[in-house]
Amino acid sequence: MRDEAAIRERIAELEAQYDDYDPPSSEFEDTAEVAILRAIEELEWVLEEYDGSAGFTTS
């Protein structure tokens, strides 16, 4: 399992990458973007956990 620092770093990387392609135009859009990026990170973590330990596959 990843520690909190690794998760926060990944969120920051995703946010910077996303901003390079589509910078937010308002505070609301920026807040929504952060929520979406956190959800993506959580999904990545869940898929990695289940893929390796429970026999769950993503293919």
C-alpha atoms as a PDB file:
ATOM      1  CA  MET A   1       0.000   0.000   0.000  1.00  0.00           C
ATOM      2  CA  ARG A   2       1.277   3.475  -0.835  1.00  0.00           C
ATOM      3  CA  ASP A   3       1.852   5.958   1.926  1.00  0.00           C
ATOM      4  CA  GLU A   4       0.107   9.317   2.077  1.00  0.00           C
ATOM      5  CA  ALA A   5       3.134  11.216   0.748  1.00  0.00           C
ATOM      6  CA  ALA A   6       3.288   9.034  -2.376  1.00  0.00           C
ATOM      7  CA  ILE A   7      -0.430   9.510  -2.992  1.00  0.00           C
ATOM      8  CA  ARG A   8      -0.190  13.285  -2.571  1.00  0.00           C
ATOM      9  CA  GLU A   9       2.810  13.376  -4.918  1.00  0.00           C
ATOM     10  CA  ARG A  10       0.901  11.401  -7.555  1.00  0.00           C
ATOM     11  CA  ILE A  11      -2.086  13.763  -7.244  1.00  0.00           C
ATOM     12  CA  ALA A  12       0.227  16.753  -7.713  1.00  0.00           C
ATOM     13  CA  GLU A  13       1.779  15.136 -10.794  1.00  0.00           C
ATOM     14  CA  LEU A  14      -1.634  14.440 -12.302  1.00  0.00           C
ATOM     15  CA  GLU A  15      -2.820  17.959 -11.548  1.00  0.00           C
ATOM     16  CA  ALA A  16       0.262  19.553 -13.140  1.00  0.00           C
ATOM     17  CA  GLN A  17      -0.052  17.333 -16.207  1.00  0.00           C
ATOM     18  CA  TYR A  18      -3.740  18.151 -16.557  1.00  0.00           C
ATOM     19  CA  ASP A  19      -3.131  21.896 -16.109  1.00  0.00           C
ATOM     20  CA  ASP A  20      -0.543  21.828 -18.894  1.00  0.00           C
ATOM     21  CA  TYR A  21      -3.232  20.698 -21.324  1.00  0.00           C
ATOM     22  CA  ASP A  22      -6.290  22.462 -19.935  1.00  0.00           C
ATOM     23  CA  PRO A  23      -5.695  25.103 -17.257  1.00  0.00           C
ATOM     24  CA  PRO A  24      -8.706  25.744 -14.981  1.00  0.00           C
ATOM     25  CA  SER A  25     -10.676  28.890 -15.771  1.00  0.00           C
ATOM     26  CA  SER A  26     -12.327  29.344 -12.362  1.00  0.00           C
ATOM     27  CA  GLU A  27     -11.913  28.412  -8.698  1.00  0.00           C
ATOM     28  CA  PHE A  28     -14.854  25.992  -8.958  1.00  0.00           C
ATOM     29  CA  GLU A  29     -13.287  24.264 -11.954  1.00  0.00           C
ATOM     30  CA  ASP A  30      -9.974  23.970 -10.099  1.00  0.00           C
ATOM     31  CA  THR A  31     -11.717  22.442  -7.048  1.00  0.00           C
ATOM     32  CA  ALA A  32     -13.620  19.982  -9.244  1.00  0.00           C
ATOM     33  CA  GLU A  33     -10.406  19.039 -11.022  1.00  0.00           C
ATOM     34  CA  VAL A  34      -8.684  18.212  -7.739  1.00  0.00           C
ATOM     35  CA  ALA A  35     -11.625  16.016  -6.682  1.00  0.00           C
ATOM     36  CA  ILE A  36     -11.503  14.149  -9.993  1.00  0.00           C
ATOM     37  CA  LEU A  37      -7.752  13.642  -9.757  1.00  0.00           C
ATOM     38  CA  ARG A  38      -8.113  12.257  -6.227  1.00  0.00           C
ATOM     39  CA  ALA A  39     -10.748   9.828  -7.471  1.00  0.00           C
ATOM     40  CA  ILE A  40      -8.431   8.718 -10.283  1.00  0.00           C
ATOM     41  CA  GLU A  41      -5.633   8.126  -7.791  1.00  0.00           C
ATOM     42  CA  GLU A  42      -7.914   6.091  -5.538  1.00  0.00           C
ATOM     43  CA  LEU A  43      -9.042   3.972  -8.487  1.00  0.00           C
ATOM     44  CA  GLU A  44      -5.428   3.351  -9.515  1.00  0.00           C
ATOM     45  CA  TRP A  45      -4.633   2.250  -5.971  1.00  0.00           C
ATOM     46  CA  VAL A  46      -7.654  -0.063  -5.737  1.00  0.00           C
ATOM     47  CA  LEU A  47      -6.894  -1.646  -9.100  1.00  0.00           C
ATOM     48  CA  GLU A  48      -3.265  -2.251  -8.106  1.00  0.00           C
ATOM     49  CA  GLU A  49      -4.304  -3.768  -4.760  1.00  0.00           C
ATOM     50  CA  TYR A  50      -6.900  -6.133  -6.205  1.00  0.00           C
ATOM     51  CA  ASP A  51      -4.905  -7.009  -9.295  1.00  0.00           C
ATOM     52  CA  GLY A  52      -2.010  -8.316  -7.217  1.00  0.00           C
ATOM     53  CA  SER A  53      -3.641  -9.803  -4.160  1.00  0.00           C
ATOM     54  CA  ALA A  54      -7.190 -10.931  -4.869  1.00  0.00           C
ATOM     55  CA  GLY A  55      -6.875 -12.280  -8.375  1.00  0.00           C
ATOM     56  CA  PHE A  56      -8.886  -9.404  -9.811  1.00  0.00           C
ATOM     57  CA  THR A  57      -7.757  -8.469 -13.313  1.00  0.00           C
ATOM     58  CA  THR A  58      -8.339  -5.315 -15.311  1.00  0.00           C
ATOM     59  CA  SER A  59      -8.210  -6.975 -18.722  1.00  0.00           C
END
